[in-house]
């Protein structure tokens, strides 16, 4: 509210000198807090997103080396892919990035090679190393979903896999 107050001298009002109007901002502050409260309460916060990961309950049965692709996650956003077991890989270990031309293309090539040679679907074993990032694991699972790989597992990395990563300077 605006209020005009005249100055007083010796009990008399001096009508010649007037003070500037004083504005009361109480109502404006109340309105501001009401608006802030309204917008805070009505804002929808970003909902957390999670990826569904279905892990097998028990052993699914034996899977042949010729239809198993192993992906070892290394440092500097690199992954090592090969077919078979680390003791004796059936294909040359290939170091790839996490882009379309890298990991996705390696998965698609290996999937078609396994389908042609064995007639079976591919099983992928993911082995994150101590130097890999969690983001790399999520990106790899995304690539497996994009390329429609029916089954995959996450396993501990073996010393042989670490040696293969060290040979490619990815550990």
C-alpha atoms as a PDB file:
ATOM      1  CA  UNK A   1       0.000   0.000   0.000  1.00  0.00           C
ATOM      2  CA  UNK A   2       1.210   3.509  -0.687  1.00  0.00           C
ATOM      3  CA  UNK A   3       1.222   5.862   2.221  1.00  0.00           C
ATOM      4  CA  UNK A   4       1.948   9.592   2.314  1.00  0.00           C
ATOM      5  CA  UNK A   5       3.395  10.898   5.551  1.00  0.00           C
ATOM      6  CA  UNK A   6       3.931  14.604   6.181  1.00  0.00           C
ATOM      7  CA  UNK A   7       6.756  15.703   8.424  1.00  0.00           C
ATOM      8  CA  UNK A   8       5.927  17.364  11.714  1.00  0.00           C
ATOM      9  CA  UNK A   9       7.813  20.195  13.426  1.00  0.00           C
ATOM     10  CA  UNK A  10       7.006  21.170  16.977  1.00  0.00           C
ATOM     11  CA  UNK A  11       3.703  19.371  16.833  1.00  0.00           C
ATOM     12  CA  UNK A  12       2.625  21.224  13.678  1.00  0.00           C
ATOM     13  CA  UNK A  13       2.334  19.738  10.289  1.00  0.00           C
ATOM     14  CA  UNK A  14       4.429  21.325   7.651  1.00  0.00           C
ATOM     15  CA  UNK A  15       2.346  21.197   4.545  1.00  0.00           C
ATOM     16  CA  UNK A  16       5.103  22.549   2.350  1.00  0.00           C
ATOM     17  CA  UNK A  17       7.501  19.625   2.761  1.00  0.00           C
ATOM     18  CA  UNK A  18       6.242  16.184   1.909  1.00  0.00           C
ATOM     19  CA  UNK A  19       8.192  12.991   2.082  1.00  0.00           C
ATOM     20  CA  UNK A  20       8.291  10.639  -0.919  1.00  0.00           C
ATOM     21  CA  UNK A  21       5.598   7.949  -0.855  1.00  0.00           C
ATOM     22  CA  UNK A  22       6.481   4.724   0.993  1.00  0.00           C
ATOM     23  CA  UNK A  23       5.343   1.566  -0.790  1.00  0.00           C
ATOM     24  CA  UNK A  24       4.514  -1.527   1.214  1.00  0.00           C
ATOM     25  CA  UNK A  25       5.677  -4.662  -0.671  1.00  0.00           C
ATOM     26  CA  UNK A  26       4.144  -7.208   1.698  1.00  0.00           C
ATOM     27  CA  UNK A  27       1.397  -8.232  -0.713  1.00  0.00           C
ATOM     28  CA  UNK A  28       3.887  -8.522  -3.604  1.00  0.00           C
ATOM     29  CA  UNK A  29       6.176 -10.788  -1.567  1.00  0.00           C
ATOM     30  CA  UNK A  30       3.225 -12.963  -0.547  1.00  0.00           C
ATOM     31  CA  UNK A  31       2.205 -13.293  -4.185  1.00  0.00           C
ATOM     32  CA  UNK A  32       5.762 -14.165  -5.227  1.00  0.00           C
ATOM     33  CA  UNK A  33       5.988 -16.946  -2.641  1.00  0.00           C
ATOM     34  CA  UNK A  34       2.590 -18.286  -3.660  1.00  0.00           C
ATOM     35  CA  UNK A  35       3.682 -18.420  -7.310  1.00  0.00           C
ATOM     36  CA  UNK A  36       6.982 -20.099  -6.440  1.00  0.00           C
ATOM     37  CA  UNK A  37       5.169 -22.673  -4.314  1.00  0.00           C
ATOM     38  CA  UNK A  38       2.643 -23.292  -7.093  1.00  0.00           C
ATOM     39  CA  UNK A  39       5.309 -23.870  -9.744  1.00  0.00           C
ATOM     40  CA  UNK A  40       7.417 -26.106  -7.509  1.00  0.00           C
ATOM     41  CA  UNK A  41       4.453 -28.303  -6.632  1.00  0.00           C
ATOM     42  CA  UNK A  42       3.066 -28.563 -10.169  1.00  0.00           C
ATOM     43  CA  UNK A  43       6.370 -29.209 -11.951  1.00  0.00           C
ATOM     44  CA  UNK A  44       6.879 -32.773 -13.031  1.00  0.00           C
ATOM     45  CA  UNK A  45      10.384 -33.907 -12.273  1.00  0.00           C
ATOM     46  CA  UNK A  46      12.348 -36.069 -14.683  1.00  0.00           C
ATOM     47  CA  UNK A  47      11.354 -39.659 -14.168  1.00  0.00           C
ATOM     48  CA  UNK A  48      14.216 -42.140 -13.702  1.00  0.00           C
ATOM     49  CA  UNK A  49      14.741 -44.476 -16.615  1.00  0.00           C
ATOM     50  CA  UNK A  50      15.966 -48.025 -16.222  1.00  0.00           C
ATOM     51  CA  UNK A  51      16.927 -50.699 -18.663  1.00  0.00           C
ATOM     52  CA  UNK A  52      15.366 -54.123 -18.275  1.00  0.00           C
ATOM     53  CA  UNK A  53      17.984 -56.809 -17.830  1.00  0.00           C
ATOM     54  CA  UNK A  54      16.730 -60.361 -17.578  1.00  0.00           C
ATOM     55  CA  UNK A  55      19.270 -62.774 -16.171  1.00  0.00           C
ATOM     56  CA  UNK A  56      18.812 -66.546 -16.382  1.00  0.00           C
ATOM     57  CA  UNK A  57      17.669 -68.384 -13.254  1.00  0.00           C
ATOM     58  CA  UNK A  58      19.851 -71.414 -13.734  1.00  0.00           C
ATOM     59  CA  UNK A  59      22.253 -72.853 -16.263  1.00  0.00           C
ATOM     60  CA  UNK A  60      20.787 -72.747 -19.744  1.00  0.00           C
ATOM     61  CA  UNK A  61      22.830 -75.686 -20.943  1.00  0.00           C
ATOM     62  CA  UNK A  62      26.064 -75.981 -22.858  1.00  0.00           C
ATOM     63  CA  UNK A  63      26.775 -73.569 -25.666  1.00  0.00           C
ATOM     64  CA  UNK A  64      29.346 -74.419 -28.306  1.00  0.00           C
ATOM     65  CA  UNK A  65      32.496 -72.360 -28.814  1.00  0.00           C
ATOM     66  CA  UNK A  66      31.642 -71.919 -32.473  1.00  0.00           C
ATOM     67  CA  UNK A  67      28.478 -69.975 -31.587  1.00  0.00           C
ATOM     68  CA  UNK A  68      29.854 -67.921 -28.679  1.00  0.00           C
ATOM     69  CA  UNK A  69      31.136 -64.387 -29.183  1.00  0.00           C
ATOM     70  CA  UNK A  70      33.131 -62.815 -26.369  1.00  0.00           C
ATOM     71  CA  UNK A  71      33.280 -59.044 -25.915  1.00  0.00           C
ATOM     72  CA  UNK A  72      35.895 -57.784 -23.443  1.00  0.00           C
ATOM     73  CA  UNK A  73      35.391 -54.163 -22.416  1.00  0.00           C
ATOM     74  CA  UNK A  74      38.672 -52.276 -22.089  1.00  0.00           C
ATOM     75  CA  UNK A  75      39.884 -48.755 -21.396  1.00  0.00           C
ATOM     76  CA  UNK A  76      39.555 -45.683 -23.637  1.00  0.00           C
ATOM     77  CA  UNK A  77      36.129 -46.783 -24.919  1.00  0.00           C
ATOM     78  CA  UNK A  78      37.519 -49.831 -26.705  1.00  0.00           C
ATOM     79  CA  UNK A  79      36.161 -53.368 -26.833  1.00  0.00           C
ATOM     80  CA  UNK A  80      37.855 -56.594 -27.900  1.00  0.00           C
ATOM     81  CA  UNK A  81      35.680 -59.080 -29.818  1.00  0.00           C
ATOM     82  CA  UNK A  82      36.457 -62.649 -30.771  1.00  0.00           C
ATOM     83  CA  UNK A  83      34.740 -65.949 -31.434  1.00  0.00           C
ATOM     84  CA  UNK A  84      35.328 -68.887 -29.103  1.00  0.00           C
ATOM     85  CA  UNK A  85      37.299 -69.162 -25.869  1.00  0.00           C
ATOM     86  CA  UNK A  86      40.193 -66.909 -24.820  1.00  0.00           C
ATOM     87  CA  UNK A  87      42.647 -69.852 -24.677  1.00  0.00           C
ATOM     88  CA  UNK A  88      42.137 -70.549 -28.380  1.00  0.00           C
ATOM     89  CA  UNK A  89      39.994 -67.969 -30.180  1.00  0.00           C
ATOM     90  CA  UNK A  90      38.360 -69.206 -33.376  1.00  0.00           C
ATOM     91  CA  UNK A  91      38.668 -65.752 -34.949  1.00  0.00           C
ATOM     92  CA  UNK A  92      41.280 -63.030 -34.748  1.00  0.00           C
ATOM     93  CA  UNK A  93      40.590 -60.743 -31.759  1.00  0.00           C
ATOM     94  CA  UNK A  94      39.328 -57.427 -33.102  1.00  0.00           C
ATOM     95  CA  UNK A  95      39.613 -54.114 -31.216  1.00  0.00           C
ATOM     96  CA  UNK A  96      36.610 -51.845 -31.923  1.00  0.00           C
ATOM     97  CA  UNK A  97      34.970 -48.599 -30.750  1.00  0.00           C
ATOM     98  CA  UNK A  98      31.392 -48.228 -29.514  1.00  0.00           C
ATOM     99  CA  UNK A  99      29.982 -46.640 -32.664  1.00  0.00           C
ATOM    100  CA  UNK A 100      27.919 -48.040 -35.546  1.00  0.00           C
ATOM    101  CA  UNK A 101      30.945 -48.887 -37.654  1.00  0.00           C
ATOM    102  CA  UNK A 102      32.736 -50.478 -34.707  1.00  0.00           C
ATOM    103  CA  UNK A 103      30.929 -52.669 -32.204  1.00  0.00           C
ATOM    104  CA  UNK A 104      27.584 -52.875 -34.018  1.00  0.00           C
ATOM    105  CA  UNK A 105      29.234 -53.912 -37.285  1.00  0.00           C
ATOM    106  CA  UNK A 106      31.404 -56.484 -35.479  1.00  0.00           C
ATOM    107  CA  UNK A 107      28.317 -57.994 -33.822  1.00  0.00           C
ATOM    108  CA  UNK A 108      26.403 -58.117 -37.105  1.00  0.00           C
ATOM    109  CA  UNK A 109      29.350 -59.681 -38.969  1.00  0.00           C
ATOM    110  CA  UNK A 110      29.876 -62.307 -36.256  1.00  0.00           C
ATOM    111  CA  UNK A 111      26.137 -63.031 -36.081  1.00  0.00           C
ATOM    112  CA  UNK A 112      25.914 -63.696 -39.815  1.00  0.00           C
ATOM    113  CA  UNK A 113      29.132 -65.768 -39.762  1.00  0.00           C
ATOM    114  CA  UNK A 114      27.824 -67.969 -36.915  1.00  0.00           C
ATOM    115  CA  UNK A 115      24.438 -68.390 -38.608  1.00  0.00           C
ATOM    116  CA  UNK A 116      26.116 -69.456 -41.862  1.00  0.00           C
ATOM    117  CA  UNK A 117      28.585 -71.891 -40.297  1.00  0.00           C
ATOM    118  CA  UNK A 118      26.519 -73.473 -37.500  1.00  0.00           C
ATOM    119  CA  UNK A 119      22.918 -72.567 -38.293  1.00  0.00           C
ATOM    120  CA  UNK A 120      22.442 -71.559 -34.658  1.00  0.00           C
ATOM    121  CA  UNK A 121      21.829 -68.241 -32.994  1.00  0.00           C
ATOM    122  CA  UNK A 122      24.703 -66.424 -31.356  1.00  0.00           C
ATOM    123  CA  UNK A 123      25.463 -66.310 -27.622  1.00  0.00           C
ATOM    124  CA  UNK A 124      27.456 -63.288 -26.404  1.00  0.00           C
ATOM    125  CA  UNK A 125      29.562 -63.204 -23.241  1.00  0.00           C
ATOM    126  CA  UNK A 126      30.310 -59.689 -21.938  1.00  0.00           C
ATOM    127  CA  UNK A 127      33.421 -59.340 -19.807  1.00  0.00           C
ATOM    128  CA  UNK A 128      34.003 -55.859 -18.368  1.00  0.00           C
ATOM    129  CA  UNK A 129      37.551 -55.146 -17.212  1.00  0.00           C
ATOM    130  CA  UNK A 130      38.625 -53.073 -14.233  1.00  0.00           C
ATOM    131  CA  UNK A 131      39.395 -50.154 -16.573  1.00  0.00           C
ATOM    132  CA  UNK A 132      36.082 -50.133 -18.450  1.00  0.00           C
ATOM    133  CA  UNK A 133      33.267 -47.717 -17.717  1.00  0.00           C
ATOM    134  CA  UNK A 134      29.721 -48.591 -16.698  1.00  0.00           C
ATOM    135  CA  UNK A 135      28.565 -46.568 -19.694  1.00  0.00           C
ATOM    136  CA  UNK A 136      30.475 -48.967 -21.958  1.00  0.00           C
ATOM    137  CA  UNK A 137      28.547 -51.923 -20.533  1.00  0.00           C
ATOM    138  CA  UNK A 138      25.222 -50.138 -21.076  1.00  0.00           C
ATOM    139  CA  UNK A 139      26.206 -49.176 -24.639  1.00  0.00           C
ATOM    140  CA  UNK A 140      27.196 -52.765 -25.383  1.00  0.00           C
ATOM    141  CA  UNK A 141      23.866 -54.096 -24.091  1.00  0.00           C
ATOM    142  CA  UNK A 142      22.100 -51.451 -26.211  1.00  0.00           C
ATOM    143  CA  UNK A 143      24.012 -52.648 -29.278  1.00  0.00           C
ATOM    144  CA  UNK A 144      23.042 -56.251 -28.508  1.00  0.00           C
ATOM    145  CA  UNK A 145      19.384 -55.217 -28.307  1.00  0.00           C
ATOM    146  CA  UNK A 146      19.630 -53.198 -31.538  1.00  0.00           C
ATOM    147  CA  UNK A 147      21.190 -56.126 -33.396  1.00  0.00           C
ATOM    148  CA  UNK A 148      18.592 -58.560 -31.951  1.00  0.00           C
ATOM    149  CA  UNK A 149      21.023 -60.889 -30.210  1.00  0.00           C
ATOM    150  CA  UNK A 150      18.730 -63.349 -28.398  1.00  0.00           C
ATOM    151  CA  UNK A 151      20.987 -64.302 -25.488  1.00  0.00           C
ATOM    152  CA  UNK A 152      23.925 -62.790 -23.677  1.00  0.00           C
ATOM    153  CA  UNK A 153      25.576 -63.056 -20.297  1.00  0.00           C
ATOM    154  CA  UNK A 154      27.821 -60.870 -18.164  1.00  0.00           C
ATOM    155  CA  UNK A 155      30.809 -62.718 -16.748  1.00  0.00           C
ATOM    156  CA  UNK A 156      34.018 -61.980 -14.883  1.00  0.00           C
ATOM    157  CA  UNK A 157      37.029 -61.289 -17.032  1.00  0.00           C
ATOM    158  CA  UNK A 158      39.695 -63.998 -17.075  1.00  0.00           C
ATOM    159  CA  UNK A 159      43.488 -63.500 -16.978  1.00  0.00           C
ATOM    160  CA  UNK A 160      43.679 -64.699 -20.607  1.00  0.00           C
ATOM    161  CA  UNK A 161      41.222 -61.971 -21.645  1.00  0.00           C
ATOM    162  CA  UNK A 162      43.318 -59.408 -19.778  1.00  0.00           C
ATOM    163  CA  UNK A 163      46.394 -60.608 -21.683  1.00  0.00           C
ATOM    164  CA  UNK A 164      44.534 -60.187 -24.989  1.00  0.00           C
ATOM    165  CA  UNK A 165      43.519 -56.638 -23.970  1.00  0.00           C
ATOM    166  CA  UNK A 166      47.113 -55.830 -22.979  1.00  0.00           C
ATOM    167  CA  UNK A 167      48.349 -57.033 -26.387  1.00  0.00           C
ATOM    168  CA  UNK A 168      45.996 -54.528 -28.039  1.00  0.00           C
ATOM    169  CA  UNK A 169      46.863 -51.728 -25.508  1.00  0.00           C
ATOM    170  CA  UNK A 170      43.302 -51.652 -24.227  1.00  0.00           C
ATOM    171  CA  UNK A 171      43.926 -52.581 -20.578  1.00  0.00           C
END
